[in-house]
Amino acid sequence: MKEGWTRHLKIQTTLYRNLLDDDRLRYNVSMSHQHSVQRHMGTTAVEYDRVIRTLIPGYEQMLSTISWWLSEIISPAGKVIELGGGTGALAHAVLTRLPQLQLEMWDIDPQMLAVARERLGQLAQRVTVREQSFTEKLDECDAVIATLSLHHLSTLDAKRAVYTNVFRALSRPGIFLIGDCTIDVTEPAHSAMLRYWTAFMGKHGITEAEAHKHFSDWSQEDTYQQISDELNALSQAGFPRPEVFWKEGPMAVYGGIKA
């Protein structure tokens, strides 16, 4: 990572939250809510890759599931828009699997886009970066993908508007794939999913108290919808058969196909 892109932060418990935020889109709709990489990136992309796997159950499978479905549905030389590029982890997985694919990465933080481009190396030749919010109209494309980003939209109405925007932009056949956290709001499922998540972190040396602190911190910015509501919003946006393509604990890949 080039000197000057990041401010060196002390390694502490809050680093985990900072790192997680890097692979999510920091929108809160207004451009005034930008979360710059200086505030959130306290380490290299390599270290980020290690830490994110201690926080997110099935993170690797999330990326591979999205890449696989893209390879099955769209043209090998198709155009994909990623909403929230983060450090470029998803883009790297997708571009590696589909060597002719063209990818457009949308993020409001120009320095996060720069981090992603450096990470992608030669793969960046097939990437166009756009400093734009995903609430804006999308160009026509074959697929739209997002990981750990859309939970920054705090209401289902806001998500439904984005999902409708995505559906209108997709060609046929096209696919919309979201990798994110979905948690039931009712008991006993809500507590069960939090226990699963806490136990996963525990396997990587994160104490129960630290895990609960993460949940409390993340709740200040993030809104996790239950999967049934997500699928309903996708249906209302125009997708005829919304699907859950993969799930592990509170994490899922879901979306829809425009046939």
C-alpha atoms as a PDB file:
ATOM      1  CA  MET A   1       0.000   0.000   0.000  1.00  0.00           C
ATOM      2  CA  LYS A   2       1.402   3.390  -0.939  1.00  0.00           C
ATOM      3  CA  GLU A   3       2.597   5.619   1.866  1.00  0.00           C
ATOM      4  CA  GLY A   4       0.120   8.380   2.615  1.00  0.00           C
ATOM      5  CA  TRP A   5      -3.019   6.391   1.818  1.00  0.00           C
ATOM      6  CA  THR A   6      -3.417   5.211   5.397  1.00  0.00           C
ATOM      7  CA  ARG A   7      -2.792   6.512   8.851  1.00  0.00           C
ATOM      8  CA  HIS A   8      -1.161   3.946  11.107  1.00  0.00           C
ATOM      9  CA  LEU A   9      -3.595   3.091  13.881  1.00  0.00           C
ATOM     10  CA  LYS A  10      -2.867   1.326  17.131  1.00  0.00           C
ATOM     11  CA  ILE A  11      -3.691  -2.370  16.991  1.00  0.00           C
ATOM     12  CA  GLN A  12      -6.567  -2.862  19.383  1.00  0.00           C
ATOM     13  CA  THR A  13      -9.964  -4.489  19.499  1.00  0.00           C
ATOM     14  CA  THR A  14     -11.545  -1.735  17.402  1.00  0.00           C
ATOM     15  CA  LEU A  15      -9.215  -2.621  14.526  1.00  0.00           C
ATOM     16  CA  TYR A  16     -11.524  -5.521  13.734  1.00  0.00           C
ATOM     17  CA  ARG A  17     -14.399  -3.137  13.219  1.00  0.00           C
ATOM     18  CA  ASN A  18     -12.273  -0.787  11.158  1.00  0.00           C
ATOM     19  CA  LEU A  19     -11.165  -3.648   8.920  1.00  0.00           C
ATOM     20  CA  LEU A  20     -14.668  -4.949   8.469  1.00  0.00           C
ATOM     21  CA  ASP A  21     -15.844  -1.498   7.471  1.00  0.00           C
ATOM     22  CA  ASP A  22     -13.264  -1.487   4.650  1.00  0.00           C
ATOM     23  CA  ASP A  23     -15.119  -4.146   2.683  1.00  0.00           C
ATOM     24  CA  ARG A  24     -18.489  -2.502   3.087  1.00  0.00           C
ATOM     25  CA  LEU A  25     -19.859   0.527   1.324  1.00  0.00           C
ATOM     26  CA  ARG A  26     -19.995   3.534   3.620  1.00  0.00           C
ATOM     27  CA  TYR A  27     -22.865   5.430   2.105  1.00  0.00           C
ATOM     28  CA  ASN A  28     -25.652   6.326   4.544  1.00  0.00           C
ATOM     29  CA  VAL A  29     -27.012   7.833   1.280  1.00  0.00           C
ATOM     30  CA  SER A  30     -25.282  11.231   1.661  1.00  0.00           C
ATOM     31  CA  MET A  31     -21.827  11.931   0.269  1.00  0.00           C
ATOM     32  CA  SER A  32     -21.167  13.856   3.487  1.00  0.00           C
ATOM     33  CA  HIS A  33     -20.994  10.527   5.342  1.00  0.00           C
ATOM     34  CA  GLN A  34     -17.871   9.312   3.582  1.00  0.00           C
ATOM     35  CA  HIS A  35     -15.664   7.035   5.688  1.00  0.00           C
ATOM     36  CA  SER A  36     -12.184   7.601   4.384  1.00  0.00           C
ATOM     37  CA  VAL A  37      -9.614   4.870   4.240  1.00  0.00           C
ATOM     38  CA  GLN A  38      -7.355   6.926   6.525  1.00  0.00           C
ATOM     39  CA  ARG A  39      -9.819   6.454   9.347  1.00  0.00           C
ATOM     40  CA  HIS A  40     -10.604   2.826   8.634  1.00  0.00           C
ATOM     41  CA  MET A  41      -7.610   1.122   7.075  1.00  0.00           C
ATOM     42  CA  GLY A  42      -5.012   0.476   9.759  1.00  0.00           C
ATOM     43  CA  THR A  43      -3.101  -2.236   7.939  1.00  0.00           C
ATOM     44  CA  THR A  44      -2.318  -3.779   4.573  1.00  0.00           C
ATOM     45  CA  ALA A  45      -4.803  -5.522   2.311  1.00  0.00           C
ATOM     46  CA  VAL A  46      -3.034  -8.805   3.108  1.00  0.00           C
ATOM     47  CA  GLU A  47      -3.625  -8.313   6.819  1.00  0.00           C
ATOM     48  CA  TYR A  48      -7.205  -7.302   6.079  1.00  0.00           C
ATOM     49  CA  ASP A  49      -7.741 -10.579   4.253  1.00  0.00           C
ATOM     50  CA  ARG A  50      -6.573 -12.471   7.324  1.00  0.00           C
ATOM     51  CA  VAL A  51      -8.686 -10.524   9.809  1.00  0.00           C
ATOM     52  CA  ILE A  52     -11.925 -10.486   7.826  1.00  0.00           C
ATOM     53  CA  ARG A  53     -11.872 -14.281   7.885  1.00  0.00           C
ATOM     54  CA  THR A  54     -11.883 -14.194  11.689  1.00  0.00           C
ATOM     55  CA  LEU A  55     -15.022 -12.030  11.722  1.00  0.00           C
ATOM     56  CA  ILE A  56     -17.263 -13.271   8.907  1.00  0.00           C
ATOM     57  CA  PRO A  57     -18.416 -16.912   8.828  1.00  0.00           C
ATOM     58  CA  GLY A  58     -17.928 -18.435   5.387  1.00  0.00           C
ATOM     59  CA  TYR A  59     -16.320 -15.330   3.889  1.00  0.00           C
ATOM     60  CA  GLU A  60     -14.338 -17.331   1.332  1.00  0.00           C
ATOM     61  CA  GLN A  61     -17.443 -19.298   0.340  1.00  0.00           C
ATOM     62  CA  MET A  62     -19.375 -16.050   0.002  1.00  0.00           C
ATOM     63  CA  LEU A  63     -16.896 -14.794  -2.585  1.00  0.00           C
ATOM     64  CA  SER A  64     -16.684 -18.096  -4.446  1.00  0.00           C
ATOM     65  CA  THR A  65     -20.481 -18.481  -4.558  1.00  0.00           C
ATOM     66  CA  ILE A  66     -20.865 -15.080  -6.215  1.00  0.00           C
ATOM     67  CA  SER A  67     -18.073 -15.855  -8.677  1.00  0.00           C
ATOM     68  CA  TRP A  68     -19.570 -19.250  -9.567  1.00  0.00           C
ATOM     69  CA  TRP A  69     -23.062 -17.928 -10.241  1.00  0.00           C
ATOM     70  CA  LEU A  70     -21.666 -15.166 -12.430  1.00  0.00           C
ATOM     71  CA  SER A  71     -19.778 -17.748 -14.480  1.00  0.00           C
ATOM     72  CA  GLU A  72     -22.963 -19.788 -14.933  1.00  0.00           C
ATOM     73  CA  ILE A  73     -25.410 -17.015 -15.861  1.00  0.00           C
ATOM     74  CA  ILE A  74     -23.721 -14.238 -17.810  1.00  0.00           C
ATOM     75  CA  SER A  75     -21.463 -14.073 -20.855  1.00  0.00           C
ATOM     76  CA  PRO A  76     -17.763 -14.718 -20.103  1.00  0.00           C
ATOM     77  CA  ALA A  77     -17.035 -11.244 -21.507  1.00  0.00           C
ATOM     78  CA  GLY A  78     -19.963  -9.589 -19.770  1.00  0.00           C
ATOM     79  CA  LYS A  79     -20.102  -6.363 -17.795  1.00  0.00           C
ATOM     80  CA  VAL A  80     -20.498  -6.448 -14.011  1.00  0.00           C
ATOM     81  CA  ILE A  81     -21.071  -3.541 -11.618  1.00  0.00           C
ATOM     82  CA  GLU A  82     -19.855  -3.931  -8.045  1.00  0.00           C
ATOM     83  CA  LEU A  83     -21.523  -1.722  -5.448  1.00  0.00           C
ATOM     84  CA  GLY A  84     -18.851  -0.878  -2.904  1.00  0.00           C
ATOM     85  CA  GLY A  85     -15.392  -2.019  -3.936  1.00  0.00           C
ATOM     86  CA  GLY A  86     -13.774  -2.068  -0.519  1.00  0.00           C
ATOM     87  CA  THR A  87     -10.258  -3.468  -0.760  1.00  0.00           C
ATOM     88  CA  GLY A  88     -11.030  -5.311  -3.995  1.00  0.00           C
ATOM     89  CA  ALA A  89     -11.401  -8.805  -2.530  1.00  0.00           C
ATOM     90  CA  LEU A  90     -14.594  -9.662  -4.407  1.00  0.00           C
ATOM     91  CA  ALA A  91     -13.368  -8.039  -7.605  1.00  0.00           C
ATOM     92  CA  HIS A  92     -10.183 -10.111  -7.446  1.00  0.00           C
ATOM     93  CA  ALA A  93     -12.151 -13.350  -7.041  1.00  0.00           C
ATOM     94  CA  VAL A  94     -14.530 -12.518  -9.894  1.00  0.00           C
ATOM     95  CA  LEU A  95     -11.900 -11.266 -12.345  1.00  0.00           C
ATOM     96  CA  THR A  96      -9.714 -14.290 -11.675  1.00  0.00           C
ATOM     97  CA  ARG A  97     -12.515 -16.741 -12.387  1.00  0.00           C
ATOM     98  CA  LEU A  98     -13.732 -14.868 -15.469  1.00  0.00           C
ATOM     99  CA  PRO A  99     -10.645 -13.695 -17.416  1.00  0.00           C
ATOM    100  CA  GLN A 100     -12.619 -11.793 -20.090  1.00  0.00           C
ATOM    101  CA  LEU A 101     -15.008 -10.042 -17.728  1.00  0.00           C
ATOM    102  CA  GLN A 102     -15.219  -6.239 -17.528  1.00  0.00           C
ATOM    103  CA  LEU A 103     -15.977  -4.851 -14.060  1.00  0.00           C
ATOM    104  CA  GLU A 104     -17.165  -1.420 -12.979  1.00  0.00           C
ATOM    105  CA  MET A 105     -16.532  -0.628  -9.304  1.00  0.00           C
ATOM    106  CA  TRP A 106     -18.689   1.984  -7.565  1.00  0.00           C
ATOM    107  CA  ASP A 107     -17.623   3.566  -4.275  1.00  0.00           C
ATOM    108  CA  ILE A 108     -17.851   7.074  -2.848  1.00  0.00           C
ATOM    109  CA  ASP A 109     -14.367   6.937  -1.311  1.00  0.00           C
ATOM    110  CA  PRO A 110     -11.690   7.625  -3.970  1.00  0.00           C
ATOM    111  CA  GLN A 111      -8.936   6.330  -1.702  1.00  0.00           C
ATOM    112  CA  MET A 112     -10.714   3.006  -1.200  1.00  0.00           C
ATOM    113  CA  LEU A 113     -10.914   2.768  -4.982  1.00  0.00           C
ATOM    114  CA  ALA A 114      -7.180   3.389  -5.123  1.00  0.00           C
ATOM    115  CA  VAL A 115      -6.552   0.628  -2.567  1.00  0.00           C
ATOM    116  CA  ALA A 116      -8.619  -1.772  -4.651  1.00  0.00           C
ATOM    117  CA  ARG A 117      -6.815  -0.889  -7.882  1.00  0.00           C
ATOM    118  CA  GLU A 118      -3.419  -1.494  -6.312  1.00  0.00           C
ATOM    119  CA  ARG A 119      -4.561  -4.814  -4.917  1.00  0.00           C
ATOM    120  CA  LEU A 120      -5.859  -5.966  -8.291  1.00  0.00           C
ATOM    121  CA  GLY A 121      -2.541  -5.379 -10.071  1.00  0.00           C
ATOM    122  CA  GLN A 122      -2.757  -6.497 -13.706  1.00  0.00           C
ATOM    123  CA  LEU A 123      -6.425  -7.399 -13.238  1.00  0.00           C
ATOM    124  CA  ALA A 124      -7.162  -3.678 -12.838  1.00  0.00           C
ATOM    125  CA  GLN A 125      -6.816  -3.328 -16.617  1.00  0.00           C
ATOM    126  CA  ARG A 126     -10.335  -4.757 -16.822  1.00  0.00           C
ATOM    127  CA  VAL A 127     -11.747  -2.472 -14.121  1.00  0.00           C
ATOM    128  CA  THR A 128     -13.365   0.945 -14.412  1.00  0.00           C
ATOM    129  CA  VAL A 129     -13.722   2.830 -11.136  1.00  0.00           C
ATOM    130  CA  ARG A 130     -16.620   5.213 -10.531  1.00  0.00           C
ATOM    131  CA  GLU A 131     -16.782   7.539  -7.541  1.00  0.00           C
ATOM    132  CA  GLN A 132     -20.544   7.252  -7.197  1.00  0.00           C
ATOM    133  CA  SER A 133     -23.244   6.237  -4.762  1.00  0.00           C
ATOM    134  CA  PHE A 134     -25.228   3.104  -5.501  1.00  0.00           C
ATOM    135  CA  THR A 135     -28.387   5.153  -5.019  1.00  0.00           C
ATOM    136  CA  GLU A 136     -27.680   6.694  -8.425  1.00  0.00           C
ATOM    137  CA  LYS A 137     -28.968   5.254 -11.688  1.00  0.00           C
ATOM    138  CA  LEU A 138     -26.925   2.288 -12.899  1.00  0.00           C
ATOM    139  CA  ASP A 139     -25.711   1.791 -16.436  1.00  0.00           C
ATOM    140  CA  GLU A 140     -26.922  -1.240 -18.372  1.00  0.00           C
ATOM    141  CA  CYS A 141     -24.986  -4.332 -17.319  1.00  0.00           C
ATOM    142  CA  ASP A 142     -25.131  -8.114 -17.135  1.00  0.00           C
ATOM    143  CA  ALA A 143     -24.771  -8.438 -13.370  1.00  0.00           C
ATOM    144  CA  VAL A 144     -24.622  -6.422 -10.169  1.00  0.00           C
ATOM    145  CA  ILE A 145     -22.740  -7.697  -7.120  1.00  0.00           C
ATOM    146  CA  ALA A 146     -22.177  -6.432  -3.571  1.00  0.00           C
ATOM    147  CA  THR A 147     -20.633  -7.826  -0.403  1.00  0.00           C
ATOM    148  CA  LEU A 148     -20.982  -6.440   3.109  1.00  0.00           C
ATOM    149  CA  SER A 149     -22.205  -3.103   1.829  1.00  0.00           C
ATOM    150  CA  LEU A 150     -25.958  -2.858   1.384  1.00  0.00           C
ATOM    151  CA  HIS A 151     -26.666  -3.164   5.109  1.00  0.00           C
ATOM    152  CA  HIS A 152     -25.666   0.505   5.279  1.00  0.00           C
ATOM    153  CA  LEU A 153     -29.095   1.255   3.831  1.00  0.00           C
ATOM    154  CA  SER A 154     -31.118   1.550   7.020  1.00  0.00           C
ATOM    155  CA  THR A 155     -34.629   0.849   5.718  1.00  0.00           C
ATOM    156  CA  LEU A 156     -36.276  -1.716   3.494  1.00  0.00           C
ATOM    157  CA  ASP A 157     -37.750   1.121   1.425  1.00  0.00           C
ATOM    158  CA  ALA A 158     -34.244   2.377   0.648  1.00  0.00           C
ATOM    159  CA  LYS A 159     -33.130  -1.120  -0.273  1.00  0.00           C
ATOM    160  CA  ARG A 160     -36.187  -1.685  -2.432  1.00  0.00           C
ATOM    161  CA  ALA A 161     -35.369   1.463  -4.388  1.00  0.00           C
ATOM    162  CA  VAL A 162     -31.802   0.254  -5.018  1.00  0.00           C
ATOM    163  CA  TYR A 163     -33.031  -3.236  -5.934  1.00  0.00           C
ATOM    164  CA  THR A 164     -35.480  -1.720  -8.428  1.00  0.00           C
ATOM    165  CA  ASN A 165     -32.662   0.346  -9.902  1.00  0.00           C
ATOM    166  CA  VAL A 166     -30.587  -2.823 -10.265  1.00  0.00           C
ATOM    167  CA  PHE A 167     -33.393  -4.791 -11.909  1.00  0.00           C
ATOM    168  CA  ARG A 168     -33.945  -2.083 -14.499  1.00  0.00           C
ATOM    169  CA  ALA A 169     -30.235  -1.944 -15.338  1.00  0.00           C
ATOM    170  CA  LEU A 170     -29.805  -5.684 -15.852  1.00  0.00           C
ATOM    171  CA  SER A 171     -29.838  -7.220 -19.309  1.00  0.00           C
ATOM    172  CA  ARG A 172     -31.405 -10.632 -19.940  1.00  0.00           C
ATOM    173  CA  PRO A 173     -30.151 -12.963 -18.671  1.00  0.00           C
ATOM    174  CA  GLY A 174     -28.785 -10.966 -15.778  1.00  0.00           C
ATOM    175  CA  ILE A 175     -28.156 -11.639 -12.115  1.00  0.00           C
ATOM    176  CA  PHE A 176     -28.029  -9.658  -8.874  1.00  0.00           C
ATOM    177  CA  LEU A 177     -25.907 -11.205  -6.094  1.00  0.00           C
ATOM    178  CA  ILE A 178     -25.644  -9.841  -2.558  1.00  0.00           C
ATOM    179  CA  GLY A 179     -23.323 -11.246   0.096  1.00  0.00           C
ATOM    180  CA  ASP A 180     -24.290  -9.920   3.507  1.00  0.00           C
ATOM    181  CA  CYS A 181     -25.527 -10.541   7.017  1.00  0.00           C
ATOM    182  CA  THR A 182     -29.195 -11.412   7.484  1.00  0.00           C
ATOM    183  CA  ILE A 183     -30.580 -11.991  10.974  1.00  0.00           C
ATOM    184  CA  ASP A 184     -34.122 -12.801  12.083  1.00  0.00           C
ATOM    185  CA  VAL A 185     -35.618 -10.107  14.279  1.00  0.00           C
ATOM    186  CA  THR A 186     -37.664 -12.546  16.353  1.00  0.00           C
ATOM    187  CA  GLU A 187     -36.682 -15.119  18.938  1.00  0.00           C
ATOM    188  CA  PRO A 188     -35.401 -17.747  19.225  1.00  0.00           C
ATOM    189  CA  ALA A 189     -33.726 -17.427  15.800  1.00  0.00           C
ATOM    190  CA  HIS A 190     -32.221 -14.001  16.525  1.00  0.00           C
ATOM    191  CA  SER A 191     -30.265 -15.162  19.572  1.00  0.00           C
ATOM    192  CA  ALA A 192     -29.311 -18.422  17.870  1.00  0.00           C
ATOM    193  CA  MET A 193     -27.657 -16.562  14.995  1.00  0.00           C
ATOM    194  CA  LEU A 194     -25.766 -14.284  17.368  1.00  0.00           C
ATOM    195  CA  ARG A 195     -24.544 -17.349  19.291  1.00  0.00           C
ATOM    196  CA  TYR A 196     -23.372 -18.912  16.030  1.00  0.00           C
ATOM    197  CA  TRP A 197     -21.519 -15.741  15.093  1.00  0.00           C
ATOM    198  CA  THR A 198     -19.981 -15.407  18.559  1.00  0.00           C
ATOM    199  CA  ALA A 199     -18.827 -19.032  18.499  1.00  0.00           C
ATOM    200  CA  PHE A 200     -17.252 -18.520  15.069  1.00  0.00           C
ATOM    201  CA  MET A 201     -15.253 -15.547  16.319  1.00  0.00           C
ATOM    202  CA  GLY A 202     -14.266 -17.542  19.384  1.00  0.00           C
ATOM    203  CA  LYS A 203     -12.530 -20.082  17.162  1.00  0.00           C
ATOM    204  CA  HIS A 204     -10.258 -17.239  16.035  1.00  0.00           C
ATOM    205  CA  GLY A 205      -9.354 -15.933  19.483  1.00  0.00           C
ATOM    206  CA  ILE A 206     -12.042 -13.276  19.839  1.00  0.00           C
ATOM    207  CA  THR A 207     -13.639 -13.431  23.280  1.00  0.00           C
ATOM    208  CA  GLU A 208     -17.388 -13.419  23.825  1.00  0.00           C
ATOM    209  CA  ALA A 209     -17.157  -9.945  25.364  1.00  0.00           C
ATOM    210  CA  GLU A 210     -15.212  -8.664  22.364  1.00  0.00           C
ATOM    211  CA  ALA A 211     -17.722 -10.207  19.964  1.00  0.00           C
ATOM    212  CA  HIS A 212     -20.623  -8.540  21.750  1.00  0.00           C
ATOM    213  CA  LYS A 213     -18.737  -5.238  21.659  1.00  0.00           C
ATOM    214  CA  HIS A 214     -18.387  -5.634  17.891  1.00  0.00           C
ATOM    215  CA  PHE A 215     -22.125  -6.266  17.550  1.00  0.00           C
ATOM    216  CA  SER A 216     -22.865  -3.148  19.599  1.00  0.00           C
ATOM    217  CA  ASP A 217     -20.449  -1.015  17.593  1.00  0.00           C
ATOM    218  CA  TRP A 218     -21.650  -2.280  14.222  1.00  0.00           C
ATOM    219  CA  SER A 219     -25.287  -1.653  15.153  1.00  0.00           C
ATOM    220  CA  GLN A 220     -24.530   2.081  15.185  1.00  0.00           C
ATOM    221  CA  GLU A 221     -24.191   2.022  11.379  1.00  0.00           C
ATOM    222  CA  ASP A 222     -25.521  -1.287  10.130  1.00  0.00           C
ATOM    223  CA  THR A 223     -29.054  -2.603   9.706  1.00  0.00           C
ATOM    224  CA  TYR A 224     -29.368  -6.359   9.189  1.00  0.00           C
ATOM    225  CA  GLN A 225     -32.702  -7.401   7.698  1.00  0.00           C
ATOM    226  CA  GLN A 226     -34.154 -10.866   7.959  1.00  0.00           C
ATOM    227  CA  ILE A 227     -33.869 -12.936   4.810  1.00  0.00           C
ATOM    228  CA  SER A 228     -37.628 -13.166   4.273  1.00  0.00           C
ATOM    229  CA  ASP A 229     -37.869  -9.373   4.120  1.00  0.00           C
ATOM    230  CA  GLU A 230     -34.879  -9.181   1.769  1.00  0.00           C
ATOM    231  CA  LEU A 231     -36.465 -11.668  -0.620  1.00  0.00           C
ATOM    232  CA  ASN A 232     -39.767  -9.823  -0.474  1.00  0.00           C
ATOM    233  CA  ALA A 233     -38.039  -6.524  -1.322  1.00  0.00           C
ATOM    234  CA  LEU A 234     -36.311  -8.202  -4.286  1.00  0.00           C
ATOM    235  CA  SER A 235     -39.657  -9.550  -5.485  1.00  0.00           C
ATOM    236  CA  GLN A 236     -41.263  -6.113  -5.247  1.00  0.00           C
ATOM    237  CA  ALA A 237     -38.327  -4.706  -7.217  1.00  0.00           C
ATOM    238  CA  GLY A 238     -39.189  -6.988 -10.133  1.00  0.00           C
ATOM    239  CA  PHE A 239     -37.213 -10.195  -9.607  1.00  0.00           C
ATOM    240  CA  PRO A 240     -39.694 -13.018 -10.241  1.00  0.00           C
ATOM    241  CA  ARG A 241     -37.984 -15.688  -8.121  1.00  0.00           C
ATOM    242  CA  PRO A 242     -35.590 -14.251  -5.519  1.00  0.00           C
ATOM    243  CA  GLU A 243     -33.255 -16.900  -4.156  1.00  0.00           C
ATOM    244  CA  VAL A 244     -30.852 -17.698  -1.353  1.00  0.00           C
ATOM    245  CA  PHE A 245     -27.825 -19.084  -3.170  1.00  0.00           C
ATOM    246  CA  TRP A 246     -25.775 -19.895  -0.070  1.00  0.00           C
ATOM    247  CA  LYS A 247     -26.055 -19.481   3.693  1.00  0.00           C
ATOM    248  CA  GLU A 248     -23.886 -20.083   6.752  1.00  0.00           C
ATOM    249  CA  GLY A 249     -25.140 -18.870  10.107  1.00  0.00           C
ATOM    250  CA  PRO A 250     -26.086 -15.198   9.768  1.00  0.00           C
ATOM    251  CA  MET A 251     -24.265 -14.778   6.441  1.00  0.00           C
ATOM    252  CA  ALA A 252     -25.896 -15.372   3.088  1.00  0.00           C
ATOM    253  CA  VAL A 253     -25.624 -14.845  -0.646  1.00  0.00           C
ATOM    254  CA  TYR A 254     -29.019 -13.944  -2.039  1.00  0.00           C
ATOM    255  CA  GLY A 255     -30.505 -12.065  -4.961  1.00  0.00           C
ATOM    256  CA  GLY A 256     -32.306 -12.816  -8.156  1.00  0.00           C
ATOM    257  CA  ILE A 257     -32.041 -13.659 -11.831  1.00  0.00           C
ATOM    258  CA  LYS A 258     -33.597 -11.584 -14.602  1.00  0.00           C
ATOM    259  CA  ALA A 259     -34.315 -14.217 -17.222  1.00  0.00           C
END
